[in-house]
Amino acid sequence: MAIAKHDRNVDKFDKYWRFNKIKNMSKEELRLLADNAGYPTQAYTKTALQKYAERVERSLLCYYKCSNEELQQFAQERGIAAPAGAFQRSKFITTLESADQQTTFERFMDLAPELRISVYEYYLAGLPKVLYCPVQPPLSRICRRIRTEIMPMFCNMTLFWLDMSVHGAGQAGKLRFNADESSFLLGLGHSETMRVRGVFLSVESVMVGLPDYRMCLYAGIREDGLSTKVQAGPRADSDSTVVAPLDAATKKRVRRMQKAIDTNASAVLKSVVQRGGKEGLKMRDIYALRSVVEKAWFA
């Protein structure tokens, strides 16, 4: 089975927190997005379509789908002054959209905890199942209290893919998390990593006899308990390069590595269960799993 390679120099791995993807969309893509949401799209410039696309991304109401009475009611309820002169639908819509842009909410912490949790759930809902080269949610850096509330949810809602690099060889060889991964792990903190649902630890082969191969260990929580899975296979490069089959001796070596990793990783998770840690992995567990892969890699 091929294991995907992720080019750290090309992709923006934290793009799931970014809003600039609209700038990279074509005019036709923007037109389709805006049209599906109910906005007028004929004879509109790309800048105007980007504005509508941004409203769609923010889940703001499309006023073009509202009746004139509803528009007037929205303005009245929000205390927005109606445009001067006779009623003009386009001016009303522009006024309401401008008010949306200027709206702020400065009493978030005055909300009941249950409502704040709902906001966090919505904020995190669009995350992919696996985060490659993960970064912490920008919202978690606002204040200590928000961080305490949102980080356990973040760590429990997704899986983290952590790339490792090879340093040295033989008995002196080491596996180290790459700089971005190390920064992410150090920033989590002890109590928060208790809730890490699962991790993928991945290392690319530079060993003689294992060209273009990747070894990947998954360890984490499932509904039926803690589990591990070890994969080894050719990298699935973007150019779909075909990797030559391994010879019999190398296949045997790979199977031996997989078995050792699976056995020892299972032992790490067993110790997690014994201490009552079914809620997740601590930082020390993640580093213990790295040591498991390291020991098998350089055996």
C-alpha atoms as a PDB file:
ATOM      1  CA  MET A   1       0.000   0.000   0.000  1.00  0.00           C
ATOM      2  CA  ALA A   2       1.359   3.396  -1.008  1.00  0.00           C
ATOM      3  CA  ILE A   3       1.614   5.994   1.734  1.00  0.00           C
ATOM      4  CA  ALA A   4       1.068   9.578   0.680  1.00  0.00           C
ATOM      5  CA  LYS A   5       3.983  11.973   0.680  1.00  0.00           C
ATOM      6  CA  HIS A   6       3.246  15.546   1.736  1.00  0.00           C
ATOM      7  CA  ASP A   7       5.539  18.195   0.287  1.00  0.00           C
ATOM      8  CA  ARG A   8       6.204  20.568   3.162  1.00  0.00           C
ATOM      9  CA  ASN A   9       7.750  23.116   0.787  1.00  0.00           C
ATOM     10  CA  VAL A  10       4.676  23.420  -1.428  1.00  0.00           C
ATOM     11  CA  ASP A  11       1.571  23.068   0.692  1.00  0.00           C
ATOM     12  CA  LYS A  12       0.492  25.298   3.545  1.00  0.00           C
ATOM     13  CA  PHE A  13      -0.199  22.713   6.196  1.00  0.00           C
ATOM     14  CA  ASP A  14      -2.082  25.171   8.398  1.00  0.00           C
ATOM     15  CA  LYS A  15      -4.376  26.245   5.543  1.00  0.00           C
ATOM     16  CA  TYR A  16      -7.365  24.865   7.433  1.00  0.00           C
ATOM     17  CA  TRP A  17      -7.144  28.007   9.616  1.00  0.00           C
ATOM     18  CA  ARG A  18      -6.709  30.389   6.695  1.00  0.00           C
ATOM     19  CA  PHE A  19      -9.300  32.479   4.843  1.00  0.00           C
ATOM     20  CA  ASN A  20      -7.118  33.378   1.869  1.00  0.00           C
ATOM     21  CA  LYS A  21      -8.134  30.424  -0.293  1.00  0.00           C
ATOM     22  CA  ILE A  22     -10.778  32.640  -1.920  1.00  0.00           C
ATOM     23  CA  LYS A  23      -8.007  34.747  -3.460  1.00  0.00           C
ATOM     24  CA  ASN A  24      -6.785  31.683  -5.333  1.00  0.00           C
ATOM     25  CA  MET A  25     -10.191  30.720  -6.753  1.00  0.00           C
ATOM     26  CA  SER A  26     -10.982  31.399 -10.394  1.00  0.00           C
ATOM     27  CA  LYS A  27     -13.794  33.729 -11.382  1.00  0.00           C
ATOM     28  CA  GLU A  28     -15.933  30.781 -12.467  1.00  0.00           C
ATOM     29  CA  GLU A  29     -15.398  29.009  -9.142  1.00  0.00           C
ATOM     30  CA  LEU A  30     -16.364  32.176  -7.290  1.00  0.00           C
ATOM     31  CA  ARG A  31     -19.395  32.641  -9.514  1.00  0.00           C
ATOM     32  CA  LEU A  32     -20.593  29.090  -8.822  1.00  0.00           C
ATOM     33  CA  LEU A  33     -20.117  29.460  -5.053  1.00  0.00           C
ATOM     34  CA  ALA A  34     -21.965  32.787  -4.941  1.00  0.00           C
ATOM     35  CA  ASP A  35     -24.722  31.621  -7.279  1.00  0.00           C
ATOM     36  CA  ASN A  36     -25.435  28.525  -5.184  1.00  0.00           C
ATOM     37  CA  ALA A  37     -25.797  30.759  -2.120  1.00  0.00           C
ATOM     38  CA  GLY A  38     -28.329  33.024  -3.839  1.00  0.00           C
ATOM     39  CA  TYR A  39     -26.177  36.025  -4.775  1.00  0.00           C
ATOM     40  CA  PRO A  40     -26.465  37.763  -8.167  1.00  0.00           C
ATOM     41  CA  THR A  41     -23.504  36.808 -10.314  1.00  0.00           C
ATOM     42  CA  GLN A  42     -24.120  38.172 -13.804  1.00  0.00           C
ATOM     43  CA  ALA A  43     -21.772  40.913 -15.042  1.00  0.00           C
ATOM     44  CA  TYR A  44     -20.023  41.072 -11.655  1.00  0.00           C
ATOM     45  CA  THR A  45     -16.302  41.668 -11.256  1.00  0.00           C
ATOM     46  CA  LYS A  46     -14.059  39.110  -9.587  1.00  0.00           C
ATOM     47  CA  THR A  47     -13.647  41.468  -6.611  1.00  0.00           C
ATOM     48  CA  ALA A  48     -17.410  41.581  -6.076  1.00  0.00           C
ATOM     49  CA  LEU A  49     -17.668  37.801  -6.376  1.00  0.00           C
ATOM     50  CA  GLN A  50     -14.882  37.427  -3.815  1.00  0.00           C
ATOM     51  CA  LYS A  51     -16.895  39.581  -1.411  1.00  0.00           C
ATOM     52  CA  TYR A  52     -19.884  37.278  -1.795  1.00  0.00           C
ATOM     53  CA  ALA A  53     -17.689  34.196  -1.435  1.00  0.00           C
ATOM     54  CA  GLU A  54     -16.296  35.580   1.818  1.00  0.00           C
ATOM     55  CA  ARG A  55     -19.835  36.030   3.128  1.00  0.00           C
ATOM     56  CA  VAL A  56     -20.591  32.419   2.232  1.00  0.00           C
ATOM     57  CA  GLU A  57     -17.447  31.281   4.064  1.00  0.00           C
ATOM     58  CA  ARG A  58     -18.561  33.226   7.137  1.00  0.00           C
ATOM     59  CA  SER A  59     -22.098  31.775   6.949  1.00  0.00           C
ATOM     60  CA  LEU A  60     -23.598  35.267   6.721  1.00  0.00           C
ATOM     61  CA  LEU A  61     -27.167  35.689   5.560  1.00  0.00           C
ATOM     62  CA  CYS A  62     -27.762  36.295   1.850  1.00  0.00           C
ATOM     63  CA  TYR A  63     -30.110  39.288   1.887  1.00  0.00           C
ATOM     64  CA  TYR A  64     -30.948  38.839  -1.792  1.00  0.00           C
ATOM     65  CA  LYS A  65     -33.141  35.899  -0.763  1.00  0.00           C
ATOM     66  CA  CYS A  66     -35.116  38.048   1.699  1.00  0.00           C
ATOM     67  CA  SER A  67     -38.317  39.980   1.052  1.00  0.00           C
ATOM     68  CA  ASN A  68     -38.440  43.768   1.275  1.00  0.00           C
ATOM     69  CA  GLU A  69     -40.387  43.506   4.526  1.00  0.00           C
ATOM     70  CA  GLU A  70     -37.717  41.237   6.014  1.00  0.00           C
ATOM     71  CA  LEU A  71     -34.952  43.646   5.030  1.00  0.00           C
ATOM     72  CA  GLN A  72     -36.742  46.514   6.739  1.00  0.00           C
ATOM     73  CA  GLN A  73     -37.363  44.373   9.816  1.00  0.00           C
ATOM     74  CA  PHE A  74     -33.671  43.381  10.041  1.00  0.00           C
ATOM     75  CA  ALA A  75     -32.624  47.024   9.920  1.00  0.00           C
ATOM     76  CA  GLN A  76     -35.173  48.017  12.560  1.00  0.00           C
ATOM     77  CA  GLU A  77     -34.252  45.185  14.960  1.00  0.00           C
ATOM     78  CA  ARG A  78     -30.548  45.997  14.690  1.00  0.00           C
ATOM     79  CA  GLY A  79     -31.027  49.743  15.054  1.00  0.00           C
ATOM     80  CA  ILE A  80     -29.621  50.424  11.598  1.00  0.00           C
ATOM     81  CA  ALA A  81     -30.705  53.681  10.000  1.00  0.00           C
ATOM     82  CA  ALA A  82     -32.595  53.099   6.772  1.00  0.00           C
ATOM     83  CA  PRO A  83     -31.114  54.636   3.613  1.00  0.00           C
ATOM     84  CA  ALA A  84     -32.460  58.104   2.902  1.00  0.00           C
ATOM     85  CA  GLY A  85     -35.227  58.564   0.378  1.00  0.00           C
ATOM     86  CA  ALA A  86     -37.715  56.110  -1.043  1.00  0.00           C
ATOM     87  CA  PHE A  87     -37.153  52.411  -0.406  1.00  0.00           C
ATOM     88  CA  GLN A  88     -34.527  50.954  -2.711  1.00  0.00           C
ATOM     89  CA  ARG A  89     -33.842  47.263  -2.291  1.00  0.00           C
ATOM     90  CA  SER A  90     -30.221  47.411  -3.462  1.00  0.00           C
ATOM     91  CA  LYS A  91     -29.378  50.229  -1.021  1.00  0.00           C
ATOM     92  CA  PHE A  92     -30.980  48.338   1.861  1.00  0.00           C
ATOM     93  CA  ILE A  93     -28.965  45.235   1.074  1.00  0.00           C
ATOM     94  CA  THR A  94     -25.729  47.242   0.825  1.00  0.00           C
ATOM     95  CA  THR A  95     -26.489  48.906   4.180  1.00  0.00           C
ATOM     96  CA  LEU A  96     -27.115  45.577   5.912  1.00  0.00           C
ATOM     97  CA  GLU A  97     -23.987  44.004   4.406  1.00  0.00           C
ATOM     98  CA  SER A  98     -21.891  46.971   5.552  1.00  0.00           C
ATOM     99  CA  ALA A  99     -23.332  46.599   9.049  1.00  0.00           C
ATOM    100  CA  ASP A 100     -22.326  42.924   9.018  1.00  0.00           C
ATOM    101  CA  GLN A 101     -18.742  43.924   8.250  1.00  0.00           C
ATOM    102  CA  GLN A 102     -18.656  46.324  11.211  1.00  0.00           C
ATOM    103  CA  THR A 103     -20.304  44.007  13.722  1.00  0.00           C
ATOM    104  CA  THR A 104     -18.207  43.010  16.737  1.00  0.00           C
ATOM    105  CA  PHE A 105     -18.929  40.876  19.777  1.00  0.00           C
ATOM    106  CA  GLU A 106     -16.870  41.852  22.792  1.00  0.00           C
ATOM    107  CA  ARG A 107     -18.659  39.884  25.515  1.00  0.00           C
ATOM    108  CA  PHE A 108     -17.854  36.340  24.446  1.00  0.00           C
ATOM    109  CA  MET A 109     -16.716  35.324  27.918  1.00  0.00           C
ATOM    110  CA  ASP A 110     -20.053  36.502  29.331  1.00  0.00           C
ATOM    111  CA  LEU A 111     -21.804  33.710  27.444  1.00  0.00           C
ATOM    112  CA  ALA A 112     -22.784  30.590  29.341  1.00  0.00           C
ATOM    113  CA  PRO A 113     -20.119  27.836  29.116  1.00  0.00           C
ATOM    114  CA  GLU A 114     -22.542  25.677  27.122  1.00  0.00           C
ATOM    115  CA  LEU A 115     -22.841  28.378  24.457  1.00  0.00           C
ATOM    116  CA  ARG A 116     -19.087  28.866  24.287  1.00  0.00           C
ATOM    117  CA  ILE A 117     -18.692  25.112  23.781  1.00  0.00           C
ATOM    118  CA  SER A 118     -21.164  25.308  20.886  1.00  0.00           C
ATOM    119  CA  VAL A 119     -19.076  28.092  19.334  1.00  0.00           C
ATOM    120  CA  TYR A 120     -15.907  26.004  19.674  1.00  0.00           C
ATOM    121  CA  GLU A 121     -17.612  22.990  18.107  1.00  0.00           C
ATOM    122  CA  TYR A 122     -18.674  25.083  15.127  1.00  0.00           C
ATOM    123  CA  TYR A 123     -15.184  26.591  14.888  1.00  0.00           C
ATOM    124  CA  LEU A 124     -13.551  23.146  14.797  1.00  0.00           C
ATOM    125  CA  ALA A 125     -16.210  21.327  12.770  1.00  0.00           C
ATOM    126  CA  GLY A 126     -14.534  21.843   9.411  1.00  0.00           C
ATOM    127  CA  LEU A 127     -11.206  20.287  10.362  1.00  0.00           C
ATOM    128  CA  PRO A 128     -10.018  17.311   8.310  1.00  0.00           C
ATOM    129  CA  LYS A 129      -9.821  13.928  10.013  1.00  0.00           C
ATOM    130  CA  VAL A 130      -6.007  14.035   9.992  1.00  0.00           C
ATOM    131  CA  LEU A 131      -3.929  17.202  10.384  1.00  0.00           C
ATOM    132  CA  TYR A 132      -0.541  17.132   8.678  1.00  0.00           C
ATOM    133  CA  CYS A 133       2.120  19.281  10.320  1.00  0.00           C
ATOM    134  CA  PRO A 134      -0.545  20.485  12.785  1.00  0.00           C
ATOM    135  CA  VAL A 135      -0.694  23.909  14.362  1.00  0.00           C
ATOM    136  CA  GLN A 136      -2.755  25.058  17.320  1.00  0.00           C
ATOM    137  CA  PRO A 137      -6.052  26.869  16.721  1.00  0.00           C
ATOM    138  CA  PRO A 138      -5.547  30.652  16.555  1.00  0.00           C
ATOM    139  CA  LEU A 139      -8.515  31.020  18.916  1.00  0.00           C
ATOM    140  CA  SER A 140      -6.592  29.097  21.583  1.00  0.00           C
ATOM    141  CA  ARG A 141      -3.989  31.874  21.759  1.00  0.00           C
ATOM    142  CA  ILE A 142      -6.371  34.657  22.761  1.00  0.00           C
ATOM    143  CA  CYS A 143      -6.399  34.027  26.497  1.00  0.00           C
ATOM    144  CA  ARG A 144      -5.702  31.279  29.030  1.00  0.00           C
ATOM    145  CA  ARG A 145      -9.366  30.599  29.777  1.00  0.00           C
ATOM    146  CA  ILE A 146     -10.375  30.108  26.143  1.00  0.00           C
ATOM    147  CA  ARG A 147      -7.308  27.944  25.624  1.00  0.00           C
ATOM    148  CA  THR A 148      -8.269  25.740  28.571  1.00  0.00           C
ATOM    149  CA  GLU A 149     -11.743  25.273  27.112  1.00  0.00           C
ATOM    150  CA  ILE A 150     -10.948  24.703  23.443  1.00  0.00           C
ATOM    151  CA  MET A 151      -7.696  22.716  23.433  1.00  0.00           C
ATOM    152  CA  PRO A 152      -9.131  19.476  24.890  1.00  0.00           C
ATOM    153  CA  MET A 153     -11.814  19.588  22.181  1.00  0.00           C
ATOM    154  CA  PHE A 154      -9.237  20.228  19.459  1.00  0.00           C
ATOM    155  CA  CYS A 155      -7.030  17.360  20.614  1.00  0.00           C
ATOM    156  CA  ASN A 156      -9.991  14.995  20.798  1.00  0.00           C
ATOM    157  CA  MET A 157     -11.617  15.838  17.454  1.00  0.00           C
ATOM    158  CA  THR A 158      -8.785  15.055  15.072  1.00  0.00           C
ATOM    159  CA  LEU A 159      -5.638  12.982  14.573  1.00  0.00           C
ATOM    160  CA  PHE A 160      -2.151  14.438  14.264  1.00  0.00           C
ATOM    161  CA  TRP A 161       0.347  13.347  11.613  1.00  0.00           C
ATOM    162  CA  LEU A 162       3.886  13.896  12.916  1.00  0.00           C
ATOM    163  CA  ASP A 163       6.824  13.510  10.540  1.00  0.00           C
ATOM    164  CA  MET A 164      10.187  12.359  11.862  1.00  0.00           C
ATOM    165  CA  SER A 165      13.633  12.607  10.307  1.00  0.00           C
ATOM    166  CA  VAL A 166      16.588  10.238  10.522  1.00  0.00           C
ATOM    167  CA  HIS A 167      19.771  11.327  12.299  1.00  0.00           C
ATOM    168  CA  GLY A 168      22.791   9.045  12.230  1.00  0.00           C
ATOM    169  CA  ALA A 169      22.833   5.308  11.655  1.00  0.00           C
ATOM    170  CA  GLY A 170      23.226   2.027  13.504  1.00  0.00           C
ATOM    171  CA  GLN A 171      23.134   1.984  17.285  1.00  0.00           C
ATOM    172  CA  ALA A 172      23.866   5.719  17.378  1.00  0.00           C
ATOM    173  CA  GLY A 173      20.942   6.510  15.068  1.00  0.00           C
ATOM    174  CA  LYS A 174      18.052   8.668  16.272  1.00  0.00           C
ATOM    175  CA  LEU A 175      14.637   9.691  15.022  1.00  0.00           C
ATOM    176  CA  ARG A 176      13.653  13.270  15.700  1.00  0.00           C
ATOM    177  CA  PHE A 177      10.412  15.122  15.131  1.00  0.00           C
ATOM    178  CA  ASN A 178      10.800  17.829  12.530  1.00  0.00           C
ATOM    179  CA  ALA A 179      10.954  21.417  13.774  1.00  0.00           C
ATOM    180  CA  ASP A 180       7.284  22.228  13.146  1.00  0.00           C
ATOM    181  CA  GLU A 181       6.101  19.064  14.873  1.00  0.00           C
ATOM    182  CA  SER A 182       8.396  19.649  17.853  1.00  0.00           C
ATOM    183  CA  SER A 183       7.075  23.191  18.234  1.00  0.00           C
ATOM    184  CA  PHE A 184       3.494  21.935  18.111  1.00  0.00           C
ATOM    185  CA  LEU A 185       4.046  19.233  20.740  1.00  0.00           C
ATOM    186  CA  LEU A 186       5.908  21.536  23.096  1.00  0.00           C
ATOM    187  CA  GLY A 187       3.084  24.048  22.850  1.00  0.00           C
ATOM    188  CA  LEU A 188       0.386  21.578  23.848  1.00  0.00           C
ATOM    189  CA  GLY A 189       1.345  21.181  27.485  1.00  0.00           C
ATOM    190  CA  HIS A 190       1.047  18.210  29.839  1.00  0.00           C
ATOM    191  CA  SER A 191      -2.640  18.353  30.774  1.00  0.00           C
ATOM    192  CA  GLU A 192      -3.822  18.956  27.213  1.00  0.00           C
ATOM    193  CA  THR A 193      -2.018  15.971  25.742  1.00  0.00           C
ATOM    194  CA  MET A 194      -4.026  13.748  28.061  1.00  0.00           C
ATOM    195  CA  ARG A 195      -6.752  14.253  25.473  1.00  0.00           C
ATOM    196  CA  VAL A 196      -4.825  13.588  22.259  1.00  0.00           C
ATOM    197  CA  ARG A 197      -6.991  11.033  20.488  1.00  0.00           C
ATOM    198  CA  GLY A 198      -4.345   9.598  18.215  1.00  0.00           C
ATOM    199  CA  VAL A 199      -1.139  10.214  16.295  1.00  0.00           C
ATOM    200  CA  PHE A 200       0.523   9.025  13.122  1.00  0.00           C
ATOM    201  CA  LEU A 201       4.304   8.837  13.456  1.00  0.00           C
ATOM    202  CA  SER A 202       5.893   8.747  10.020  1.00  0.00           C
ATOM    203  CA  VAL A 203       9.470   8.400   8.815  1.00  0.00           C
ATOM    204  CA  GLU A 204      10.823   8.169   5.280  1.00  0.00           C
ATOM    205  CA  SER A 205      13.430   5.578   4.476  1.00  0.00           C
ATOM    206  CA  VAL A 206      17.006   6.527   3.747  1.00  0.00           C
ATOM    207  CA  MET A 207      18.315   3.051   4.495  1.00  0.00           C
ATOM    208  CA  VAL A 208      20.153   0.966   1.970  1.00  0.00           C
ATOM    209  CA  GLY A 209      17.707  -1.506   0.462  1.00  0.00           C
ATOM    210  CA  LEU A 210      14.651   0.580   1.346  1.00  0.00           C
ATOM    211  CA  PRO A 211      14.617   3.367  -1.251  1.00  0.00           C
ATOM    212  CA  ASP A 212      11.578   5.653  -1.346  1.00  0.00           C
ATOM    213  CA  TYR A 213       9.824   3.848   1.475  1.00  0.00           C
ATOM    214  CA  ARG A 214       7.876   5.215   4.404  1.00  0.00           C
ATOM    215  CA  MET A 215       7.098   3.564   7.731  1.00  0.00           C
ATOM    216  CA  CYS A 216       4.056   4.855   9.571  1.00  0.00           C
ATOM    217  CA  LEU A 217       2.697   3.969  13.020  1.00  0.00           C
ATOM    218  CA  TYR A 218      -0.821   4.889  14.091  1.00  0.00           C
ATOM    219  CA  ALA A 219      -1.572   4.775  17.794  1.00  0.00           C
ATOM    220  CA  GLY A 220      -4.652   6.123  19.459  1.00  0.00           C
ATOM    221  CA  ILE A 221      -8.169   5.748  20.755  1.00  0.00           C
ATOM    222  CA  ARG A 222     -11.052   4.067  18.994  1.00  0.00           C
ATOM    223  CA  GLU A 223     -14.581   3.416  20.184  1.00  0.00           C
ATOM    224  CA  ASP A 224     -13.563  -0.094  21.192  1.00  0.00           C
ATOM    225  CA  GLY A 225     -10.438   1.040  23.045  1.00  0.00           C
ATOM    226  CA  LEU A 226      -6.807   1.836  22.231  1.00  0.00           C
ATOM    227  CA  SER A 227      -5.274   0.441  19.058  1.00  0.00           C
ATOM    228  CA  THR A 228      -2.171   0.480  16.886  1.00  0.00           C
ATOM    229  CA  LYS A 229      -1.552  -0.039  13.196  1.00  0.00           C
ATOM    230  CA  VAL A 230       1.750  -0.146  11.345  1.00  0.00           C
ATOM    231  CA  GLN A 231       2.053   0.531   7.620  1.00  0.00           C
ATOM    232  CA  ALA A 232       5.079   0.266   5.387  1.00  0.00           C
ATOM    233  CA  GLY A 233       5.063   0.992   1.706  1.00  0.00           C
ATOM    234  CA  PRO A 234       6.318   3.155  -1.141  1.00  0.00           C
ATOM    235  CA  ARG A 235       5.670   6.850  -0.966  1.00  0.00           C
ATOM    236  CA  ALA A 236       2.846   7.986  -3.201  1.00  0.00           C
ATOM    237  CA  ASP A 237       4.703  10.939  -4.738  1.00  0.00           C
ATOM    238  CA  SER A 238       2.878  13.622  -6.653  1.00  0.00           C
ATOM    239  CA  ASP A 239       4.423  12.390  -9.915  1.00  0.00           C
ATOM    240  CA  SER A 240       3.197   8.823  -9.228  1.00  0.00           C
ATOM    241  CA  THR A 241       6.703   7.414  -9.467  1.00  0.00           C
ATOM    242  CA  VAL A 242       6.669   3.617  -9.537  1.00  0.00           C
ATOM    243  CA  VAL A 243       8.933   2.129  -6.885  1.00  0.00           C
ATOM    244  CA  ALA A 244      10.724  -1.091  -7.746  1.00  0.00           C
ATOM    245  CA  PRO A 245       9.531  -4.165  -5.807  1.00  0.00           C
ATOM    246  CA  LEU A 246      11.575  -5.131  -2.768  1.00  0.00           C
ATOM    247  CA  ASP A 247      13.683  -8.236  -2.846  1.00  0.00           C
ATOM    248  CA  ALA A 248      12.853 -11.141  -0.528  1.00  0.00           C
ATOM    249  CA  ALA A 249      15.455 -10.225   2.100  1.00  0.00           C
ATOM    250  CA  THR A 250      14.278  -6.616   2.325  1.00  0.00           C
ATOM    251  CA  LYS A 251      10.637  -7.690   2.533  1.00  0.00           C
ATOM    252  CA  LYS A 252      11.546  -9.910   5.457  1.00  0.00           C
ATOM    253  CA  ARG A 253      13.356  -7.013   7.089  1.00  0.00           C
ATOM    254  CA  VAL A 254      10.336  -4.734   6.684  1.00  0.00           C
ATOM    255  CA  ARG A 255       7.999  -7.346   8.155  1.00  0.00           C
ATOM    256  CA  ARG A 256      10.337  -7.763  11.116  1.00  0.00           C
ATOM    257  CA  MET A 257      10.341  -4.010  11.693  1.00  0.00           C
ATOM    258  CA  GLN A 258       6.556  -3.848  11.469  1.00  0.00           C
ATOM    259  CA  LYS A 259       6.117  -6.672  13.952  1.00  0.00           C
ATOM    260  CA  ALA A 260       8.537  -5.104  16.433  1.00  0.00           C
ATOM    261  CA  ILE A 261       6.836  -1.717  16.184  1.00  0.00           C
ATOM    262  CA  ASP A 262       3.360  -3.189  16.554  1.00  0.00           C
ATOM    263  CA  THR A 263       4.314  -5.317  19.569  1.00  0.00           C
ATOM    264  CA  ASN A 264       6.119  -2.559  21.447  1.00  0.00           C
ATOM    265  CA  ALA A 265       3.594   0.152  20.563  1.00  0.00           C
ATOM    266  CA  SER A 266       0.831  -2.084  21.910  1.00  0.00           C
ATOM    267  CA  ALA A 267       2.820  -2.384  25.136  1.00  0.00           C
ATOM    268  CA  VAL A 268       2.970   1.416  25.408  1.00  0.00           C
ATOM    269  CA  LEU A 269      -0.789   1.690  24.983  1.00  0.00           C
ATOM    270  CA  LYS A 270      -1.331  -1.098  27.494  1.00  0.00           C
ATOM    271  CA  SER A 271       0.539   0.985  30.058  1.00  0.00           C
ATOM    272  CA  VAL A 272      -1.717   3.930  29.164  1.00  0.00           C
ATOM    273  CA  VAL A 273      -4.786   1.817  29.937  1.00  0.00           C
ATOM    274  CA  GLN A 274      -3.292   0.514  33.178  1.00  0.00           C
ATOM    275  CA  ARG A 275      -2.844   4.027  34.525  1.00  0.00           C
ATOM    276  CA  GLY A 276      -6.450   4.840  33.630  1.00  0.00           C
ATOM    277  CA  GLY A 277      -5.563   6.971  30.635  1.00  0.00           C
ATOM    278  CA  LYS A 278      -8.216   5.865  28.174  1.00  0.00           C
ATOM    279  CA  GLU A 279      -9.074   9.500  27.575  1.00  0.00           C
ATOM    280  CA  GLY A 280      -5.916  10.019  25.550  1.00  0.00           C
ATOM    281  CA  LEU A 281      -2.153  10.108  25.190  1.00  0.00           C
ATOM    282  CA  LYS A 282       0.212  12.126  27.323  1.00  0.00           C
ATOM    283  CA  MET A 283       3.281  13.790  25.927  1.00  0.00           C
ATOM    284  CA  ARG A 284       5.454  11.038  27.376  1.00  0.00           C
ATOM    285  CA  ASP A 285       3.372   8.426  25.523  1.00  0.00           C
ATOM    286  CA  ILE A 286       3.982  10.140  22.196  1.00  0.00           C
ATOM    287  CA  TYR A 287       7.718  10.223  22.818  1.00  0.00           C
ATOM    288  CA  ALA A 288       7.640   6.594  23.987  1.00  0.00           C
ATOM    289  CA  LEU A 289       5.982   5.652  20.686  1.00  0.00           C
ATOM    290  CA  ARG A 290       8.687   7.524  18.807  1.00  0.00           C
ATOM    291  CA  SER A 291      11.295   5.482  20.696  1.00  0.00           C
ATOM    292  CA  VAL A 292       9.491   2.302  19.636  1.00  0.00           C
ATOM    293  CA  VAL A 293       9.783   3.240  15.960  1.00  0.00           C
ATOM    294  CA  GLU A 294      13.364   4.388  16.470  1.00  0.00           C
ATOM    295  CA  LYS A 295      14.455   1.129  18.065  1.00  0.00           C
ATOM    296  CA  ALA A 296      12.978  -0.964  15.256  1.00  0.00           C
ATOM    297  CA  TRP A 297      14.266   1.380  12.561  1.00  0.00           C
ATOM    298  CA  PHE A 298      17.895   1.125  13.610  1.00  0.00           C
ATOM    299  CA  ALA A 299      17.853  -2.526  14.716  1.00  0.00           C
END
